Amino acid sequence: MVSFVGAAPPPGALDEAAVKVLLDVSGGGLAVLDEAGRFTMLNPAAARILDRPAEELLGRKSPFEPSTPLDGGHVSWPARDGRTRELEYRIAPIPKAGYAVWFSDVTDALEQRERLTAIVRAASSVADLYSLRATLDAVAREVVMTRNISAVQILALDDPEGELRVLGMAGFGDARDFTERLAACRRRGAKVRFLDAYRTRRPIVVPHRKPAIMADPRWEPLHKIMDYPDWDCFVSMPLLVRGRAVGVMNAYYLPGEDPGPGSLAFLEAMAGHAAVAIDTAALLADMRSHERRRLARDLHDAVVQQLFSMRMQAKALRAQLERPDPDLASVGRGADELARLSQTALADLRSLVYELRPLDLAEHGLIDAVRAHAENIQARTGLEIDIQVPEGLDIDAGIDEQEDLYRIVQEALNNVVKHANATEVVIRFDPLAEVAPGGAGAGGGRHGGPGARNNGLVVEISDNGCGHIRRSGGGDAEPGRRSLGLVSMRERAQRWGGRVAAGPRPTGGWTVAVTLPHLRTSLPEPEHELETDPAAGAGEDATRDGAESGR
């Protein structure tokens, strides 16, 4: 039965030849089935989609179910090359003549949908980085869930001859001793192709790799592990970070499933997620190592030195008391000095313990955590700290992002206390503004008026201290400490696509500015004024463009 949109043609206008031409030029598969569901007529597209000559299909039972609803169905069909093709179809009865079927091959579309879903889920796993092994296991599982890949490994290594680490795996059986068995194969002289991908930083595709491995006695230690997944072709995709290889992702394809351009592009995207996870974990480890070194340095410079002075003072007091006629006034002054040293050491220890305590950002939020830290510093040092926040500001950020921003503020305040000789500090939170369509001005400024949507945050820590400290010889005071603190702050900001700038203020003092352009913020409408005088945060230009030397 042929249906037309619009006015029906006059009787006899479409003869058999015209209908045949319409069927031949159709891009979709069109077929007629008899009452038993056998093919009785097919157009050329149908034979092409089913990967069989029309003569072979005529009289053959079709895969299409006549009872399928009119809105369509889905069925699998084995192609001649052994691959499975996924078909979408619609079927309708022809009065006294069987059934008419329209169908198309949706295999590539389904695979693309699966790959996109896997990429999104893998990105979510990497964003929620809590354990590198768990994250990369999740990435490997997402790859294996696509229809043409049987197993996946994610391996990290620093050089081709160095130690190999399995960071993610899916699709294998018990492979806990994979690295030891692989090392045994290498000692036997087995050629490890994924090392070529690592060295060249280019993907390696090896057809029929499994039969070659299983027939090679040099691979015997890994035969049991390699035999379990049903696979044939092998692909190794390098994990690249800023042009440097940090590992490989190995994919084992099902028999008959050779990797095409779409599949290789998918593996490249997933390898990119794995590389980001490895790089992020390394950066976190470096930051934690830096934090430990900083705390050790602070303990040595403050508490240890004070304890040493207390020990020497106690020895001097004992020596005076052992004299036949001790000078009690001198002993009293020494005891006062000992008490002062112990009080200072106790305060420094409390400060370090406060820095080490776990943050409860999930319950109280970033701004409350900064307020609590500021109150602690005020109580301990007498430094006046004013925190300026636009009324109703909402910061939508994950716990890790909030903690990094908190630690940046903490480091900046520590520098003020130790090096600035300041009496006042202003911590100012300001959302970046993007002016909505139709609004005045260009986006990217500070928070706007009604109609503005805010995306991004700037936090400024400004003091009224001595600013750019210089030694008598003209050099920066304590440049090593200053640069280490700034490096730590920058690393934390860069992890979230942000930046840190530092410099002297035109009116005196120093400003550190942290900009996180991707952090989501919002303000209620209509916008309210700041709780305190915003003039205290002057020096923005110096903060942005000033020299990055300092205390």
Protein backbone atom coordinates (compact mmCIF):
# COMPACT_ATOMS: atom_id res chain seq x y z
CA MET A 1 0.00 0.00 0.00
CA VAL A 2 1.45 3.41 -0.99
CA SER A 3 0.45 6.58 0.93
CA PHE A 4 0.96 10.16 -0.26
CA VAL A 5 1.01 13.52 1.51
CA GLY A 6 -1.19 16.09 -0.26
CA ALA A 7 -3.57 15.55 -3.13
CA ALA A 8 -3.80 11.95 -4.32
CA PRO A 9 -2.61 11.33 -7.89
CA PRO A 10 -5.23 10.53 -10.52
CA PRO A 11 -6.04 6.87 -11.11
CA GLY A 12 -3.34 5.13 -13.13
CA ALA A 13 -0.81 7.94 -12.65
CA LEU A 14 1.60 5.66 -10.74
CA ASP A 15 2.21 2.49 -12.69
CA GLU A 16 4.32 -0.43 -11.55
CA ALA A 17 7.50 1.03 -13.05
CA ALA A 18 7.09 4.29 -11.13
CA VAL A 19 6.57 2.45 -7.85
CA LYS A 20 9.69 0.38 -8.55
CA VAL A 21 11.73 3.56 -9.09
CA LEU A 22 10.48 4.97 -5.78
CA LEU A 23 11.47 1.78 -4.00
CA ASP A 24 14.90 1.73 -5.66
CA VAL A 25 15.83 5.30 -4.71
CA SER A 26 14.69 4.96 -1.09
CA GLY A 27 17.56 5.12 1.42
CA GLY A 28 15.70 2.98 3.93
CA GLY A 29 15.14 -0.73 3.68
CA LEU A 30 11.71 -1.62 2.28
CA ALA A 31 10.40 -5.18 2.09
CA VAL A 32 7.20 -7.15 1.72
CA LEU A 33 6.61 -10.26 3.83
CA ASP A 34 4.08 -13.02 3.28
CA GLU A 35 1.68 -14.20 5.98
CA ALA A 36 4.42 -16.49 7.37
CA GLY A 37 6.89 -13.59 7.67
CA ARG A 38 9.10 -14.60 4.71
CA PHE A 39 10.62 -12.04 2.33
CA THR A 40 8.75 -11.77 -0.97
CA MET A 41 10.06 -8.39 -2.16
CA LEU A 42 13.04 -6.15 -1.18
CA ASN A 43 14.42 -2.88 -2.47
CA PRO A 44 18.22 -2.50 -3.03
CA ALA A 45 18.67 -0.65 0.28
CA ALA A 46 17.11 -3.60 2.15
CA ALA A 47 19.60 -6.06 0.62
CA ARG A 48 22.48 -3.68 1.40
CA ILE A 49 21.43 -3.21 5.04
CA LEU A 50 20.93 -6.95 5.54
CA ASP A 51 24.31 -7.60 3.86
CA ARG A 52 22.90 -10.35 1.61
CA PRO A 53 21.97 -10.58 -2.10
CA ALA A 54 18.25 -10.17 -2.64
CA GLU A 55 18.10 -13.62 -4.27
CA GLU A 56 19.43 -15.18 -1.06
CA LEU A 57 16.87 -13.36 1.09
CA LEU A 58 13.75 -14.06 -0.96
CA GLY A 59 11.75 -16.84 0.69
CA ARG A 60 13.84 -16.59 3.86
CA LYS A 61 12.24 -15.97 7.25
CA SER A 62 12.67 -12.32 8.22
CA PRO A 63 13.70 -11.13 11.71
CA PHE A 64 10.75 -8.74 11.91
CA GLU A 65 7.85 -9.57 14.20
CA PRO A 66 4.43 -8.92 12.55
CA SER A 67 2.79 -8.22 15.92
CA THR A 68 5.13 -5.28 16.57
CA PRO A 69 3.23 -2.04 17.39
CA LEU A 70 3.05 0.55 14.62
CA ASP A 71 5.47 2.85 16.47
CA GLY A 72 8.26 0.40 15.72
CA GLY A 73 10.60 -2.20 17.09
CA HIS A 74 14.25 -3.15 17.38
CA VAL A 75 16.00 -6.36 16.28
CA SER A 76 19.55 -7.71 15.87
CA TRP A 77 20.75 -9.17 12.56
CA PRO A 78 23.98 -11.16 11.89
CA ALA A 79 25.99 -9.70 9.02
CA ARG A 80 28.14 -11.93 6.82
CA ASP A 81 31.37 -10.64 8.43
CA GLY A 82 30.25 -12.00 11.80
CA ARG A 83 29.29 -8.66 13.28
CA THR A 84 25.86 -7.98 14.70
CA ARG A 85 23.87 -5.14 13.17
CA GLU A 86 21.11 -3.38 15.10
CA LEU A 87 17.98 -2.64 13.07
CA GLU A 88 15.07 -0.33 13.80
CA TYR A 89 11.83 -1.10 11.94
CA ARG A 90 8.15 -0.38 11.48
CA ILE A 91 5.71 -2.97 10.11
CA ALA A 92 2.11 -2.76 8.89
CA PRO A 93 -0.30 -5.29 7.37
CA ILE A 94 -1.15 -5.25 3.65
CA PRO A 95 -4.73 -6.43 3.07
CA LYS A 96 -4.63 -10.00 1.70
CA ALA A 97 -0.91 -9.64 0.84
CA GLY A 98 1.10 -10.02 4.08
CA TYR A 99 3.11 -7.17 5.61
CA ALA A 100 5.09 -4.10 4.54
CA VAL A 101 8.31 -3.35 6.50
CA TRP A 102 10.52 -0.26 6.63
CA PHE A 103 13.85 -0.64 8.46
CA SER A 104 17.24 1.05 8.91
CA ASP A 105 20.64 0.17 10.39
CA VAL A 106 21.10 2.07 13.67
CA THR A 107 24.23 0.23 14.84
CA ASP A 108 26.54 3.22 14.45
CA ALA A 109 24.04 5.59 16.09
CA LEU A 110 23.60 3.27 19.08
CA GLU A 111 27.35 2.85 19.46
CA GLN A 112 27.81 6.61 19.30
CA ARG A 113 25.11 7.08 21.94
CA GLU A 114 26.77 4.46 24.17
CA ARG A 115 30.15 6.13 23.73
CA LEU A 116 28.81 9.59 24.56
CA THR A 117 27.08 8.19 27.64
CA ALA A 118 30.30 6.48 28.71
CA ILE A 119 32.29 9.69 28.18
CA VAL A 120 29.85 11.70 30.32
CA ARG A 121 29.84 9.10 33.10
CA ALA A 122 33.63 8.84 33.00
CA ALA A 123 33.89 12.62 33.27
CA SER A 124 31.64 12.48 36.33
CA SER A 125 33.86 9.78 37.88
CA VAL A 126 36.98 11.87 37.30
CA ALA A 127 35.28 14.99 38.70
CA ASP A 128 34.40 13.06 41.87
CA LEU A 129 38.01 11.91 42.28
CA TYR A 130 38.18 10.11 45.63
CA SER A 131 40.49 7.17 44.86
CA LEU A 132 42.58 6.97 41.71
CA ARG A 133 42.18 3.20 41.45
CA ALA A 134 38.41 3.35 42.00
CA THR A 135 38.09 6.20 39.50
CA LEU A 136 40.03 4.43 36.75
CA ASP A 137 38.24 1.14 37.43
CA ALA A 138 35.02 3.08 36.79
CA VAL A 139 36.44 4.52 33.54
CA ALA A 140 37.48 1.01 32.42
CA ARG A 141 33.99 -0.34 33.17
CA GLU A 142 32.40 2.40 31.08
CA VAL A 143 34.57 1.42 28.11
CA VAL A 144 33.72 -2.28 28.48
CA MET A 145 29.99 -1.48 28.60
CA THR A 146 30.13 -0.41 24.95
CA ARG A 147 29.17 -3.18 22.56
CA ASN A 148 32.43 -3.98 20.73
CA ILE A 149 35.06 -4.07 23.50
CA SER A 150 35.59 -7.12 25.69
CA ALA A 151 38.20 -5.93 28.22
CA VAL A 152 40.21 -2.85 29.18
CA GLN A 153 43.35 -2.06 31.16
CA ILE A 154 44.60 1.35 32.27
CA LEU A 155 48.32 1.25 33.03
CA ALA A 156 50.62 3.95 34.39
CA LEU A 157 54.38 4.07 33.91
CA ASP A 158 57.10 6.69 34.06
CA ASP A 159 59.38 5.17 31.43
CA PRO A 160 59.27 2.06 29.20
CA GLU A 161 61.81 0.21 31.34
CA GLY A 162 60.35 1.30 34.67
CA GLU A 163 57.77 -0.12 37.03
CA LEU A 164 54.31 -0.71 35.62
CA ARG A 165 51.18 0.02 37.69
CA VAL A 166 47.70 -1.27 36.90
CA LEU A 167 45.34 1.58 37.85
CA GLY A 168 42.14 0.38 36.20
CA MET A 169 40.83 -2.88 34.76
CA ALA A 170 37.55 -4.38 33.58
CA GLY A 171 36.51 -7.49 31.66
CA PHE A 172 39.25 -9.79 32.97
CA GLY A 173 39.00 -12.57 35.52
CA ASP A 174 41.48 -12.82 38.38
CA ALA A 175 44.36 -10.64 37.15
CA ARG A 176 45.83 -9.50 40.45
CA ASP A 177 49.33 -10.70 39.48
CA PHE A 178 49.20 -9.25 35.96
CA THR A 179 52.27 -7.03 36.39
CA GLU A 180 54.41 -9.89 37.75
CA ARG A 181 53.36 -12.18 34.89
CA LEU A 182 53.97 -9.44 32.33
CA ALA A 183 57.46 -8.90 33.75
CA ALA A 184 58.12 -12.64 33.32
CA CYS A 185 56.99 -12.42 29.68
CA ARG A 186 59.33 -9.48 29.07
CA ARG A 187 62.24 -11.43 30.55
CA ARG A 188 61.45 -14.20 28.05
CA GLY A 189 61.70 -11.70 25.20
CA ALA A 190 57.98 -11.10 24.49
CA LYS A 191 57.29 -7.97 22.44
CA VAL A 192 55.00 -5.68 24.44
CA ARG A 193 53.18 -3.57 21.86
CA PHE A 194 51.63 -1.06 24.27
CA LEU A 195 55.15 0.22 24.98
CA ASP A 196 55.22 1.37 21.34
CA ALA A 197 52.12 3.49 22.02
CA TYR A 198 53.81 4.92 25.12
CA ARG A 199 57.08 5.72 23.31
CA THR A 200 55.55 7.21 20.16
CA ARG A 201 52.56 8.85 21.93
CA ARG A 202 50.38 7.48 19.13
CA PRO A 203 47.69 4.75 19.18
CA ILE A 204 48.74 1.23 18.20
CA VAL A 205 46.25 -1.13 16.47
CA VAL A 206 47.19 -4.83 16.22
CA PRO A 207 44.70 -7.11 14.37
CA HIS A 208 44.41 -10.75 15.48
CA ARG A 209 46.63 -10.14 18.51
CA LYS A 210 45.13 -12.85 20.72
CA PRO A 211 45.96 -15.81 18.43
CA ALA A 212 49.54 -14.52 18.15
CA ILE A 213 49.91 -14.23 21.95
CA MET A 214 48.36 -17.61 22.67
CA ALA A 215 50.66 -19.30 20.13
CA ASP A 216 53.83 -17.62 21.46
CA PRO A 217 55.62 -19.51 24.30
CA ARG A 218 57.21 -16.26 25.45
CA TRP A 219 53.72 -15.14 26.53
CA GLU A 220 53.00 -18.36 28.45
CA PRO A 221 52.96 -16.69 31.92
CA LEU A 222 49.99 -14.56 30.76
CA HIS A 223 48.12 -17.20 28.74
CA LYS A 224 45.60 -17.89 31.51
CA ILE A 225 44.73 -14.21 32.01
CA MET A 226 44.68 -13.39 28.29
CA ASP A 227 42.54 -16.40 27.38
CA TYR A 228 39.55 -15.50 29.56
CA PRO A 229 38.08 -12.52 27.66
CA ASP A 230 36.74 -13.32 24.20
CA TRP A 231 38.82 -10.96 22.08
CA ASP A 232 40.87 -10.73 18.90
CA CYS A 233 42.06 -7.22 17.96
CA PHE A 234 44.17 -5.09 20.33
CA VAL A 235 44.38 -1.29 20.60
CA SER A 236 46.71 0.67 22.88
CA MET A 237 45.93 4.36 23.35
CA PRO A 238 48.54 6.60 25.09
CA LEU A 239 47.49 8.68 28.09
CA LEU A 240 48.79 12.17 27.39
CA VAL A 241 49.14 15.12 29.78
CA ARG A 242 50.48 18.33 28.24
CA GLY A 243 52.14 16.29 25.49
CA ARG A 244 53.77 13.86 27.93
CA ALA A 245 52.78 10.19 28.13
CA VAL A 246 51.86 9.01 31.63
CA GLY A 247 50.51 5.58 30.70
CA VAL A 248 48.33 3.67 28.25
CA MET A 249 44.77 2.42 27.89
CA ASN A 250 44.63 -1.07 26.35
CA ALA A 251 41.36 -2.18 24.70
CA TYR A 252 40.64 -5.78 23.69
CA TYR A 253 38.03 -5.97 20.90
CA LEU A 254 35.51 -8.77 20.44
CA PRO A 255 36.15 -11.10 17.47
CA GLY A 256 34.96 -9.47 14.25
CA GLU A 257 34.87 -6.00 15.84
CA ASP A 258 37.72 -4.11 14.22
CA PRO A 259 38.22 -0.56 15.57
CA GLY A 260 37.02 2.11 13.17
CA PRO A 261 37.62 5.88 13.36
CA GLY A 262 34.62 6.40 15.67
CA SER A 263 35.78 3.74 18.10
CA LEU A 264 39.34 5.10 18.15
CA ALA A 265 38.03 8.63 18.77
CA PHE A 266 35.98 7.25 21.68
CA LEU A 267 39.04 5.52 23.16
CA GLU A 268 41.03 8.73 22.78
CA ALA A 269 38.39 10.65 24.74
CA MET A 270 38.30 8.03 27.50
CA ALA A 271 42.11 7.94 27.62
CA GLY A 272 41.99 11.71 28.06
CA HIS A 273 39.74 11.30 31.12
CA ALA A 274 42.11 8.70 32.57
CA ALA A 275 45.11 10.97 31.96
CA VAL A 276 43.38 13.88 33.72
CA ALA A 277 42.65 11.64 36.72
CA ILE A 278 46.29 10.51 36.94
CA ASP A 279 47.57 14.07 36.58
CA THR A 280 45.13 15.42 39.18
CA ALA A 281 46.13 12.72 41.66
CA ALA A 282 49.81 13.60 41.12
CA LEU A 283 49.12 17.30 41.67
CA LEU A 284 47.21 16.52 44.87
CA ALA A 285 50.09 14.38 46.10
CA ASP A 286 52.54 17.21 45.35
CA MET A 287 50.33 19.70 47.20
CA ARG A 288 50.05 17.43 50.22
CA SER A 289 53.81 16.92 50.20
CA HIS A 290 54.27 20.69 50.06
CA GLU A 291 51.84 21.13 52.96
CA ARG A 292 53.82 18.62 55.03
CA ARG A 293 57.10 20.39 54.22
CA ARG A 294 55.58 23.75 55.12
CA LEU A 295 54.27 22.47 58.44
CA ALA A 296 57.64 20.87 59.20
CA ARG A 297 59.36 24.18 58.39
CA ASP A 298 56.93 26.13 60.56
CA LEU A 299 57.43 23.69 63.43
CA HIS A 300 61.19 24.07 63.12
CA ASP A 301 61.21 27.85 62.69
CA ALA A 302 58.75 28.57 65.47
CA VAL A 303 58.09 25.86 68.03
CA VAL A 304 61.41 23.99 67.88
CA GLN A 305 63.43 27.20 68.14
CA GLN A 306 61.30 28.37 71.04
CA LEU A 307 61.68 25.04 72.84
CA PHE A 308 65.45 25.25 72.34
CA SER A 309 65.43 28.76 73.86
CA MET A 310 63.31 27.49 76.76
CA ARG A 311 65.81 24.69 77.36
CA MET A 312 68.73 27.14 77.40
CA GLN A 313 66.81 29.50 79.68
CA ALA A 314 66.01 26.65 82.09
CA LYS A 315 69.70 25.67 82.21
CA ALA A 316 70.66 29.28 82.97
CA LEU A 317 68.09 29.45 85.78
CA ARG A 318 69.37 26.19 87.27
CA ALA A 319 72.93 27.51 87.17
CA GLN A 320 71.90 30.70 88.98
CA LEU A 321 69.94 28.79 91.62
CA GLU A 322 72.92 26.53 92.33
CA ARG A 323 75.07 29.53 93.31
CA PRO A 324 75.60 30.17 97.04
CA ASP A 325 74.04 33.64 96.71
CA PRO A 326 71.64 33.58 93.72
CA ASP A 327 70.41 36.90 92.32
CA LEU A 328 66.68 36.45 92.90
CA ALA A 329 65.77 39.45 90.74
CA SER A 330 67.69 37.95 87.82
CA VAL A 331 66.07 34.57 88.45
CA GLY A 332 62.64 36.22 88.41
CA ARG A 333 63.36 37.90 85.08
CA GLY A 334 64.55 34.57 83.66
CA ALA A 335 61.39 32.85 84.89
CA ASP A 336 59.27 35.55 83.25
CA GLU A 337 61.14 35.06 79.98
CA LEU A 338 60.65 31.29 80.24
CA ALA A 339 56.91 31.78 80.76
CA ARG A 340 56.75 34.11 77.76
CA LEU A 341 58.55 31.60 75.55
CA SER A 342 56.26 28.78 76.64
CA GLN A 343 53.17 30.89 75.98
CA THR A 344 54.41 31.76 72.47
CA ALA A 345 55.25 28.12 71.73
CA LEU A 346 51.81 27.03 72.92
CA ALA A 347 50.12 29.64 70.70
CA ASP A 348 52.13 28.50 67.67
CA LEU A 349 51.30 24.86 68.36
CA ARG A 350 47.61 25.69 68.63
CA SER A 351 47.81 27.55 65.32
CA LEU A 352 49.37 24.54 63.59
CA VAL A 353 46.81 22.17 65.10
CA TYR A 354 44.02 24.50 63.93
CA GLU A 355 45.41 24.37 60.38
CA LEU A 356 45.54 20.57 60.45
CA ARG A 357 42.01 20.03 61.72
CA PRO A 358 39.51 18.60 59.20
CA LEU A 359 37.16 21.15 57.66
CA ASP A 360 33.42 20.70 58.00
CA LEU A 361 32.63 22.59 54.81
CA ALA A 362 29.71 20.33 53.92
CA GLU A 363 27.76 21.52 56.96
CA HIS A 364 28.91 25.12 57.41
CA GLY A 365 30.13 26.26 53.97
CA LEU A 366 33.16 28.22 52.77
CA ILE A 367 32.34 31.68 54.12
CA ASP A 368 31.53 30.42 57.62
CA ALA A 369 34.81 28.46 57.63
CA VAL A 370 36.73 31.61 56.67
CA ARG A 371 34.91 33.58 59.40
CA ALA A 372 35.81 30.95 62.01
CA HIS A 373 39.47 30.99 60.95
CA ALA A 374 39.53 34.79 61.03
CA GLU A 375 38.07 34.81 64.55
CA ASN A 376 40.76 32.38 65.67
CA ILE A 377 43.53 34.59 64.26
CA GLN A 378 41.99 37.72 65.80
CA ALA A 379 41.82 36.07 69.22
CA ARG A 380 45.40 34.84 68.93
CA THR A 381 47.14 37.88 67.39
CA GLY A 382 44.86 40.90 67.81
CA LEU A 383 44.81 41.42 64.03
CA GLU A 384 41.56 43.08 62.91
CA ILE A 385 39.97 41.08 60.06
CA ASP A 386 36.96 42.42 58.17
CA ILE A 387 35.11 39.94 55.92
CA GLN A 388 33.00 41.57 53.20
CA VAL A 389 30.35 39.46 51.45
CA PRO A 390 27.47 40.69 49.24
CA GLU A 391 24.22 40.02 51.05
CA GLY A 392 22.64 36.75 49.94
CA LEU A 393 25.69 35.55 47.99
CA ASP A 394 25.35 31.83 47.22
CA ILE A 395 28.47 29.86 46.22
CA ASP A 396 27.68 26.65 44.37
CA ALA A 397 30.91 24.61 44.57
CA GLY A 398 31.99 21.12 45.51
CA ILE A 399 33.73 20.33 48.80
CA ASP A 400 37.16 19.94 47.15
CA GLU A 401 36.88 23.28 45.38
CA GLN A 402 35.75 25.03 48.57
CA GLU A 403 38.61 23.49 50.54
CA ASP A 404 41.21 24.63 48.01
CA LEU A 405 39.82 28.18 48.15
CA TYR A 406 39.78 28.06 51.96
CA ARG A 407 43.43 26.92 52.02
CA ILE A 408 44.40 29.78 49.70
CA VAL A 409 42.79 32.31 52.08
CA GLN A 410 44.44 30.54 55.02
CA GLU A 411 47.89 30.74 53.40
CA ALA A 412 47.42 34.42 52.57
CA LEU A 413 46.42 35.20 56.17
CA ASN A 414 49.40 33.23 57.50
CA ASN A 415 51.69 35.39 55.36
CA VAL A 416 50.08 38.55 56.76
CA VAL A 417 50.56 37.37 60.35
CA LYS A 418 54.17 36.28 59.84
CA HIS A 419 55.58 38.91 57.51
CA ALA A 420 53.37 41.99 57.03
CA ASN A 421 53.43 43.72 60.42
CA ALA A 422 49.82 44.68 59.63
CA THR A 423 47.02 45.74 61.96
CA GLU A 424 44.06 45.29 59.58
CA VAL A 425 43.04 42.81 56.89
CA VAL A 426 40.02 42.90 54.55
CA ILE A 427 38.78 39.67 52.94
CA ARG A 428 36.37 40.51 50.15
CA PHE A 429 34.18 38.02 48.24
CA ASP A 430 32.90 39.31 44.88
CA PRO A 431 31.03 37.36 42.18
CA LEU A 432 31.99 37.98 38.58
CA ALA A 433 29.04 39.21 36.50
CA GLU A 434 27.85 38.34 33.02
CA VAL A 435 25.30 40.86 31.79
CA ALA A 436 22.19 39.18 30.46
CA PRO A 437 21.21 39.79 26.81
CA GLY A 438 19.77 43.27 26.44
CA GLY A 439 21.61 44.58 29.51
CA ALA A 440 24.10 47.41 29.43
CA GLY A 441 27.82 46.95 29.45
CA ALA A 442 30.10 44.04 28.81
CA GLY A 443 30.29 40.88 30.87
CA GLY A 444 33.10 39.91 33.15
CA GLY A 445 32.93 42.75 35.71
CA ARG A 446 32.02 42.64 39.38
CA HIS A 447 28.52 41.68 40.42
CA GLY A 448 25.91 43.60 38.45
CA GLY A 449 22.45 44.95 39.09
CA PRO A 450 19.07 43.37 38.39
CA GLY A 451 19.15 41.19 35.30
CA ALA A 452 22.75 40.05 35.85
CA ARG A 453 23.66 36.43 36.19
CA ASN A 454 26.84 35.69 38.12
CA ASN A 455 29.40 33.08 37.18
CA GLY A 456 32.80 33.09 38.86
CA LEU A 457 34.21 34.47 42.08
CA VAL A 458 37.02 36.82 43.11
CA VAL A 459 38.38 36.68 46.66
CA GLU A 460 40.77 39.47 47.72
CA ILE A 461 42.88 39.43 50.88
CA SER A 462 44.24 42.96 51.46
CA ASP A 463 46.30 44.24 54.41
CA ASN A 464 47.70 47.58 55.58
CA GLY A 465 51.14 46.16 56.35
CA CYS A 466 54.60 46.92 55.06
CA GLY A 467 53.90 45.54 51.59
CA HIS A 468 56.96 44.83 49.51
CA ILE A 469 59.59 44.05 52.18
CA ARG A 470 63.20 44.45 51.07
CA ARG A 471 66.42 43.61 52.80
CA SER A 472 69.08 46.23 53.30
CA GLY A 473 70.88 44.82 50.25
CA GLY A 474 67.84 45.43 48.07
CA GLY A 475 66.62 41.85 47.72
CA ASP A 476 63.24 40.44 48.65
CA ALA A 477 62.82 39.40 52.24
CA GLU A 478 62.57 35.61 52.57
CA PRO A 479 62.00 35.02 48.81
CA GLY A 480 61.96 31.24 49.18
CA ARG A 481 59.10 31.27 51.66
CA ARG A 482 57.14 33.86 49.70
CA SER A 483 57.47 31.94 46.44
CA LEU A 484 56.59 28.60 48.02
CA GLY A 485 53.40 30.03 49.50
CA LEU A 486 52.43 31.68 46.20
CA VAL A 487 53.18 28.49 44.25
CA SER A 488 50.92 26.50 46.57
CA MET A 489 48.10 29.03 46.18
CA ARG A 490 48.49 29.09 42.39
CA GLU A 491 48.46 25.29 42.14
CA ARG A 492 45.22 25.12 44.09
CA ALA A 493 43.57 27.79 41.92
CA GLN A 494 44.82 26.32 38.64
CA ARG A 495 43.29 22.98 39.57
CA TRP A 496 39.90 24.66 39.05
CA GLY A 497 40.86 26.80 36.05
CA GLY A 498 41.57 29.84 38.22
CA ARG A 499 44.49 32.18 38.87
CA VAL A 500 46.19 34.01 41.73
CA ALA A 501 47.76 37.49 41.51
CA ALA A 502 49.65 39.34 44.24
CA GLY A 503 51.12 42.81 44.52
CA PRO A 504 51.40 46.03 46.54
CA ARG A 505 48.43 48.36 46.92
CA PRO A 506 48.74 52.00 45.78
CA THR A 507 47.63 53.12 49.25
CA GLY A 508 50.09 50.84 51.01
CA GLY A 509 49.94 47.24 52.09
CA TRP A 510 49.53 44.13 50.00
CA THR A 511 46.73 42.30 48.15
CA VAL A 512 46.35 38.69 47.08
CA ALA A 513 43.50 38.11 44.59
CA VAL A 514 42.08 34.70 43.71
CA THR A 515 39.88 34.47 40.59
CA LEU A 516 37.86 31.32 39.89
CA PRO A 517 35.94 32.09 36.66
CA HIS A 518 34.12 28.75 36.49
CA LEU A 519 32.74 28.68 40.03
CA ARG A 520 28.97 29.26 40.02
CA THR A 521 27.61 32.06 42.21
CA SER A 522 24.28 33.83 42.50
CA LEU A 523 22.76 36.87 44.19
CA PRO A 524 19.12 37.52 45.05
CA GLU A 525 17.17 40.09 43.05
CA PRO A 526 17.13 43.00 43.47
CA GLU A 527 20.80 43.18 44.36
CA HIS A 528 21.73 44.51 47.80
CA GLU A 529 24.72 46.56 48.79
CA LEU A 530 27.71 45.11 50.57
CA GLU A 531 27.50 44.79 54.32
CA THR A 532 30.61 46.94 54.82
CA ASP A 533 32.45 49.72 53.03
CA PRO A 534 33.88 48.31 49.77
CA ALA A 535 36.55 51.03 49.67
CA ALA A 536 38.68 48.95 52.00
CA GLY A 537 39.33 46.55 49.12
CA ALA A 538 41.12 49.20 47.01
CA GLY A 539 44.15 48.19 45.05
CA GLU A 540 42.45 45.88 42.58
CA ASP A 541 44.57 47.11 39.67
CA ALA A 542 47.75 46.56 41.62
CA THR A 543 46.51 43.12 42.57
CA ARG A 544 45.90 42.17 38.96
CA ASP A 545 48.98 43.74 37.39
CA GLY A 546 51.42 44.21 40.24
CA ALA A 547 54.70 42.44 40.61
CA GLU A 548 54.50 38.90 41.88
CA SER A 549 57.31 39.44 44.31
CA GLY A 550 56.44 40.16 47.88
CA ARG A 551 56.78 39.13 51.37
